[in-house]
Amino acid sequence: MLLLRFVAILAVFAIGASILAWVVTRDVRYLQVAWRIGKGSLILALAVMTLFAAERLIVL
């Protein structure tokens, strides 16, 4: 869980930096980077939560 929190914090900072870069430069590329980081972190979080749930089911 600690690793998941660390990745979430890094993702939030990276998305924030990308949106700030977009505001400054108005280059759409930075919004695309923010979207990719958001999707990737969401997929990673869902995968980790699925593994935790599967572990709980196997232990039962």
Protein backbone atom coordinates (compact mmCIF):
# COMPACT_ATOMS: atom_id res chain seq x y z
CA MET A 1 0.00 0.00 0.00
CA LEU A 2 2.89 2.34 0.68
CA LEU A 3 4.18 1.86 -2.85
CA LEU A 4 0.73 2.58 -4.25
CA ARG A 5 0.53 5.82 -2.27
CA PHE A 6 4.00 6.84 -3.44
CA VAL A 7 3.08 6.23 -7.08
CA ALA A 8 -0.17 8.17 -6.61
CA ILE A 9 1.68 11.16 -5.19
CA LEU A 10 4.18 11.11 -8.04
CA ALA A 11 1.36 10.85 -10.57
CA VAL A 12 -0.45 13.84 -9.05
CA PHE A 13 2.71 15.94 -9.18
CA ALA A 14 3.45 14.88 -12.76
CA ILE A 15 -0.11 15.63 -13.89
CA GLY A 16 0.02 18.99 -12.14
CA ALA A 17 3.33 19.85 -13.77
CA SER A 18 1.99 18.85 -17.18
CA ILE A 19 -1.12 20.98 -16.77
CA LEU A 20 1.00 23.90 -15.59
CA ALA A 21 3.25 23.48 -18.64
CA TRP A 22 0.15 23.46 -20.83
CA VAL A 23 -1.13 26.69 -19.24
CA VAL A 24 2.22 28.38 -19.84
CA THR A 25 2.86 27.14 -23.39
CA ARG A 26 -0.64 26.24 -24.67
CA ASP A 27 0.92 23.16 -26.29
CA VAL A 28 -1.61 20.31 -26.41
CA ARG A 29 1.19 17.77 -26.05
CA TYR A 30 1.34 18.45 -22.31
CA LEU A 31 -2.35 17.66 -21.89
CA GLN A 32 -1.78 14.39 -23.72
CA VAL A 33 1.08 13.56 -21.35
CA ALA A 34 -1.12 14.34 -18.34
CA TRP A 35 -3.88 12.11 -19.75
CA ARG A 36 -1.44 9.23 -20.33
CA ILE A 37 -0.03 9.53 -16.81
CA GLY A 38 -3.55 9.56 -15.38
CA LYS A 39 -4.63 6.50 -17.35
CA GLY A 40 -1.44 4.62 -16.50
CA SER A 41 -1.67 5.33 -12.80
CA LEU A 42 -5.35 4.35 -12.75
CA ILE A 43 -4.60 1.06 -14.52
CA LEU A 44 -1.74 0.36 -12.12
CA ALA A 45 -3.92 1.11 -9.09
CA LEU A 46 -6.68 -1.17 -10.38
CA ALA A 47 -4.18 -3.95 -11.05
CA VAL A 48 -2.70 -3.71 -7.56
CA MET A 49 -6.15 -3.63 -5.94
CA THR A 50 -7.18 -6.66 -7.99
CA LEU A 51 -4.10 -8.52 -6.79
CA PHE A 52 -4.92 -7.60 -3.18
CA ALA A 53 -8.49 -8.82 -3.62
CA ALA A 54 -7.30 -12.06 -5.25
CA GLU A 55 -4.89 -12.63 -2.39
CA ARG A 56 -7.72 -12.20 0.12
CA LEU A 57 -9.88 -14.69 -1.79
CA ILE A 58 -7.09 -17.26 -2.02
CA VAL A 59 -6.37 -17.03 1.71
CA LEU A 60 -10.03 -17.68 2.52
